[in-house]
Amino acid sequence: MGNLIAKIVVRIYIIDAQYADNAKDGSQPNAYAWAICDKSQLVILEEASMEIIYTGIKSRIGMGRTIRTIYGAIMKPYLSEMTSADLVWLTNDDDLEPFLEVARTEYKPLCIQIQLAQGDEMA
């Protein structure tokens, strides 16, 4: 598990790549514009843990889908535009903790983009 932190509210934007590949942003490899989000979910983190993020959204993933990639937005993304924010690729708790430290000084709630792909297990 990750390190304990002060409670942080994170808004998770879920994008299913199966339906969104024609809407890639292009400014970053494999990044999608925040405006095409399929679903969103608020998650409260009390520790810097990718497992807690996964637990908070697993009911919204759906059968036959898995997490392909997770990005954190360092600056608040413009949700009304088809552009992505300054993104950090989050692969484990060691990536998540510094992202939370930096981003929570910039805006609230913090934004994380989760891209889904075909599969049955978390990537």
C-alpha atoms as a PDB file:
ATOM      1  CA  MET A   1       0.000   0.000   0.000  1.00  0.00           C
ATOM      2  CA  GLY A   2       1.008   3.602  -0.500  1.00  0.00           C
ATOM      3  CA  ASN A   3       2.088   6.197   2.042  1.00  0.00           C
ATOM      4  CA  LEU A   4      -0.525   7.911   4.214  1.00  0.00           C
ATOM      5  CA  ILE A   5      -1.444  11.409   3.049  1.00  0.00           C
ATOM      6  CA  ALA A   6      -3.940  14.106   3.988  1.00  0.00           C
ATOM      7  CA  LYS A   7      -7.293  13.358   2.351  1.00  0.00           C
ATOM      8  CA  ILE A   8      -7.335  14.367  -1.304  1.00  0.00           C
ATOM      9  CA  VAL A   9     -10.359  14.319  -3.594  1.00  0.00           C
ATOM     10  CA  VAL A  10      -9.512  13.120  -7.089  1.00  0.00           C
ATOM     11  CA  ARG A  11     -11.832  13.278 -10.088  1.00  0.00           C
ATOM     12  CA  ILE A  12     -11.280  10.277 -12.335  1.00  0.00           C
ATOM     13  CA  TYR A  13     -12.142  10.694 -16.015  1.00  0.00           C
ATOM     14  CA  ILE A  14     -12.694   7.347 -17.719  1.00  0.00           C
ATOM     15  CA  ILE A  15     -12.148   7.080 -21.466  1.00  0.00           C
ATOM     16  CA  ASP A  16     -12.771   3.856 -23.352  1.00  0.00           C
ATOM     17  CA  ALA A  17     -10.170   3.776 -26.116  1.00  0.00           C
ATOM     18  CA  GLN A  18     -12.360   1.413 -28.134  1.00  0.00           C
ATOM     19  CA  TYR A  19     -14.731   4.310 -28.783  1.00  0.00           C
ATOM     20  CA  ALA A  20     -12.314   7.217 -28.517  1.00  0.00           C
ATOM     21  CA  ASP A  21      -9.391   6.346 -30.818  1.00  0.00           C
ATOM     22  CA  ASN A  22     -10.695   8.745 -33.454  1.00  0.00           C
ATOM     23  CA  ALA A  23     -10.588  11.590 -30.898  1.00  0.00           C
ATOM     24  CA  LYS A  24      -6.924  11.469 -29.902  1.00  0.00           C
ATOM     25  CA  ASP A  25      -5.529  14.807 -28.887  1.00  0.00           C
ATOM     26  CA  GLY A  26      -2.190  14.422 -30.644  1.00  0.00           C
ATOM     27  CA  SER A  27      -0.253  16.716 -28.297  1.00  0.00           C
ATOM     28  CA  GLN A  28       1.009  13.740 -26.267  1.00  0.00           C
ATOM     29  CA  PRO A  29       1.433  10.102 -27.252  1.00  0.00           C
ATOM     30  CA  ASN A  30      -1.664   8.061 -26.430  1.00  0.00           C
ATOM     31  CA  ALA A  31      -3.330  11.043 -24.748  1.00  0.00           C
ATOM     32  CA  TYR A  32      -7.009  11.793 -25.187  1.00  0.00           C
ATOM     33  CA  ALA A  33      -8.797  15.088 -24.808  1.00  0.00           C
ATOM     34  CA  TRP A  34     -10.560  15.362 -21.467  1.00  0.00           C
ATOM     35  CA  ALA A  35     -13.772  16.533 -23.157  1.00  0.00           C
ATOM     36  CA  ILE A  36     -14.448  13.064 -24.610  1.00  0.00           C
ATOM     37  CA  CYS A  37     -14.643  11.371 -21.219  1.00  0.00           C
ATOM     38  CA  ASP A  38     -17.216   8.550 -21.085  1.00  0.00           C
ATOM     39  CA  LYS A  39     -17.690   8.535 -17.300  1.00  0.00           C
ATOM     40  CA  SER A  40     -16.284  10.228 -14.250  1.00  0.00           C
ATOM     41  CA  GLN A  41     -16.029   9.331 -10.585  1.00  0.00           C
ATOM     42  CA  LEU A  42     -14.872  11.153  -7.456  1.00  0.00           C
ATOM     43  CA  VAL A  43     -12.471   9.168  -5.259  1.00  0.00           C
ATOM     44  CA  ILE A  44     -11.111  10.203  -1.855  1.00  0.00           C
ATOM     45  CA  LEU A  45      -7.513   9.166  -1.287  1.00  0.00           C
ATOM     46  CA  GLU A  46      -6.098   8.801   2.199  1.00  0.00           C
ATOM     47  CA  GLU A  47      -2.942   7.160   0.931  1.00  0.00           C
ATOM     48  CA  ALA A  48      -0.995   7.390  -2.305  1.00  0.00           C
ATOM     49  CA  SER A  49      -2.259   4.084  -3.637  1.00  0.00           C
ATOM     50  CA  MET A  50      -3.091   3.027  -7.193  1.00  0.00           C
ATOM     51  CA  GLU A  51      -5.090   0.155  -5.672  1.00  0.00           C
ATOM     52  CA  ILE A  52      -7.451   2.637  -3.976  1.00  0.00           C
ATOM     53  CA  ILE A  53      -7.980   4.410  -7.298  1.00  0.00           C
ATOM     54  CA  TYR A  54      -8.764   1.093  -8.978  1.00  0.00           C
ATOM     55  CA  THR A  55     -11.159   0.088  -6.176  1.00  0.00           C
ATOM     56  CA  GLY A  56     -12.923   3.452  -6.488  1.00  0.00           C
ATOM     57  CA  ILE A  57     -13.658   3.025 -10.190  1.00  0.00           C
ATOM     58  CA  LYS A  58     -13.860  -0.733 -10.798  1.00  0.00           C
ATOM     59  CA  SER A  59     -17.667  -0.715 -10.848  1.00  0.00           C
ATOM     60  CA  ARG A  60     -17.532   1.759 -13.750  1.00  0.00           C
ATOM     61  CA  ILE A  61     -15.095  -0.212 -15.896  1.00  0.00           C
ATOM     62  CA  GLY A  62     -17.530  -2.827 -17.198  1.00  0.00           C
ATOM     63  CA  MET A  63     -17.167  -6.430 -18.255  1.00  0.00           C
ATOM     64  CA  GLY A  64     -14.410  -7.239 -20.712  1.00  0.00           C
ATOM     65  CA  ARG A  65     -12.593  -3.935 -20.126  1.00  0.00           C
ATOM     66  CA  THR A  66      -9.370  -3.249 -18.250  1.00  0.00           C
ATOM     67  CA  ILE A  67      -7.214  -0.241 -17.418  1.00  0.00           C
ATOM     68  CA  ARG A  68      -4.742   0.442 -20.230  1.00  0.00           C
ATOM     69  CA  THR A  69      -3.111   3.670 -19.040  1.00  0.00           C
ATOM     70  CA  ILE A  70      -3.459   6.188 -16.221  1.00  0.00           C
ATOM     71  CA  TYR A  71      -2.424   9.835 -16.562  1.00  0.00           C
ATOM     72  CA  GLY A  72      -2.468  12.587 -13.954  1.00  0.00           C
ATOM     73  CA  ALA A  73      -2.933  16.240 -14.962  1.00  0.00           C
ATOM     74  CA  ILE A  74      -0.342  18.520 -13.381  1.00  0.00           C
ATOM     75  CA  MET A  75      -2.369  21.610 -14.338  1.00  0.00           C
ATOM     76  CA  LYS A  76      -6.170  21.737 -14.346  1.00  0.00           C
ATOM     77  CA  PRO A  77      -7.380  20.443 -17.728  1.00  0.00           C
ATOM     78  CA  TYR A  78      -9.758  22.520 -19.837  1.00  0.00           C
ATOM     79  CA  LEU A  79     -12.712  20.183 -20.008  1.00  0.00           C
ATOM     80  CA  SER A  80     -14.625  22.240 -22.564  1.00  0.00           C
ATOM     81  CA  GLU A  81     -11.823  22.044 -25.118  1.00  0.00           C
ATOM     82  CA  MET A  82     -10.283  19.196 -27.059  1.00  0.00           C
ATOM     83  CA  THR A  83      -6.843  19.672 -25.562  1.00  0.00           C
ATOM     84  CA  SER A  84      -5.049  17.727 -22.872  1.00  0.00           C
ATOM     85  CA  ALA A  85      -3.299  19.105 -19.820  1.00  0.00           C
ATOM     86  CA  ASP A  86       0.341  18.666 -18.847  1.00  0.00           C
ATOM     87  CA  LEU A  87       0.209  14.930 -18.176  1.00  0.00           C
ATOM     88  CA  VAL A  88       2.225  12.533 -16.035  1.00  0.00           C
ATOM     89  CA  TRP A  89       2.047   8.808 -16.708  1.00  0.00           C
ATOM     90  CA  LEU A  90       1.103   7.042 -13.459  1.00  0.00           C
ATOM     91  CA  THR A  91       2.203   3.411 -13.306  1.00  0.00           C
ATOM     92  CA  ASN A  92       2.612   2.732  -9.569  1.00  0.00           C
ATOM     93  CA  ASP A  93       2.435   4.255  -6.097  1.00  0.00           C
ATOM     94  CA  ASP A  94       5.910   5.766  -6.539  1.00  0.00           C
ATOM     95  CA  ASP A  95       4.572   7.795  -9.498  1.00  0.00           C
ATOM     96  CA  LEU A  96       1.320   8.696  -7.759  1.00  0.00           C
ATOM     97  CA  GLU A  97       2.781  10.217  -4.597  1.00  0.00           C
ATOM     98  CA  PRO A  98       4.848  12.993  -6.252  1.00  0.00           C
ATOM     99  CA  PHE A  99       1.985  13.714  -8.674  1.00  0.00           C
ATOM    100  CA  LEU A 100      -0.354  14.277  -5.720  1.00  0.00           C
ATOM    101  CA  GLU A 101       2.176  16.516  -3.963  1.00  0.00           C
ATOM    102  CA  VAL A 102       2.693  18.749  -7.013  1.00  0.00           C
ATOM    103  CA  ALA A 103      -0.839  18.841  -8.434  1.00  0.00           C
ATOM    104  CA  ARG A 104      -2.673  19.526  -5.177  1.00  0.00           C
ATOM    105  CA  THR A 105      -0.848  22.853  -4.894  1.00  0.00           C
ATOM    106  CA  GLU A 106      -2.172  23.816  -8.348  1.00  0.00           C
ATOM    107  CA  TYR A 107      -5.924  23.050  -8.340  1.00  0.00           C
ATOM    108  CA  LYS A 108      -8.754  21.013  -6.780  1.00  0.00           C
ATOM    109  CA  PRO A 109     -10.140  18.450  -7.292  1.00  0.00           C
ATOM    110  CA  LEU A 110      -7.161  16.781  -8.897  1.00  0.00           C
ATOM    111  CA  CYS A 111      -7.824  15.126 -12.258  1.00  0.00           C
ATOM    112  CA  ILE A 112      -6.732  11.692 -13.404  1.00  0.00           C
ATOM    113  CA  GLN A 113      -7.491  10.232 -16.825  1.00  0.00           C
ATOM    114  CA  ILE A 114      -7.939   6.468 -17.041  1.00  0.00           C
ATOM    115  CA  GLN A 115      -7.977   4.849 -20.453  1.00  0.00           C
ATOM    116  CA  LEU A 116      -9.657   1.489 -20.853  1.00  0.00           C
ATOM    117  CA  ALA A 117      -8.860  -1.321 -23.255  1.00  0.00           C
ATOM    118  CA  GLN A 118     -10.202  -4.792 -23.964  1.00  0.00           C
ATOM    119  CA  GLY A 119      -9.352  -7.336 -21.256  1.00  0.00           C
ATOM    120  CA  ASP A 120     -10.462  -8.678 -17.896  1.00  0.00           C
ATOM    121  CA  GLU A 121      -7.614  -7.765 -15.549  1.00  0.00           C
ATOM    122  CA  MET A 122      -6.042  -4.516 -14.432  1.00  0.00           C
ATOM    123  CA  ALA A 123      -2.938  -3.741 -16.482  1.00  0.00           C
END
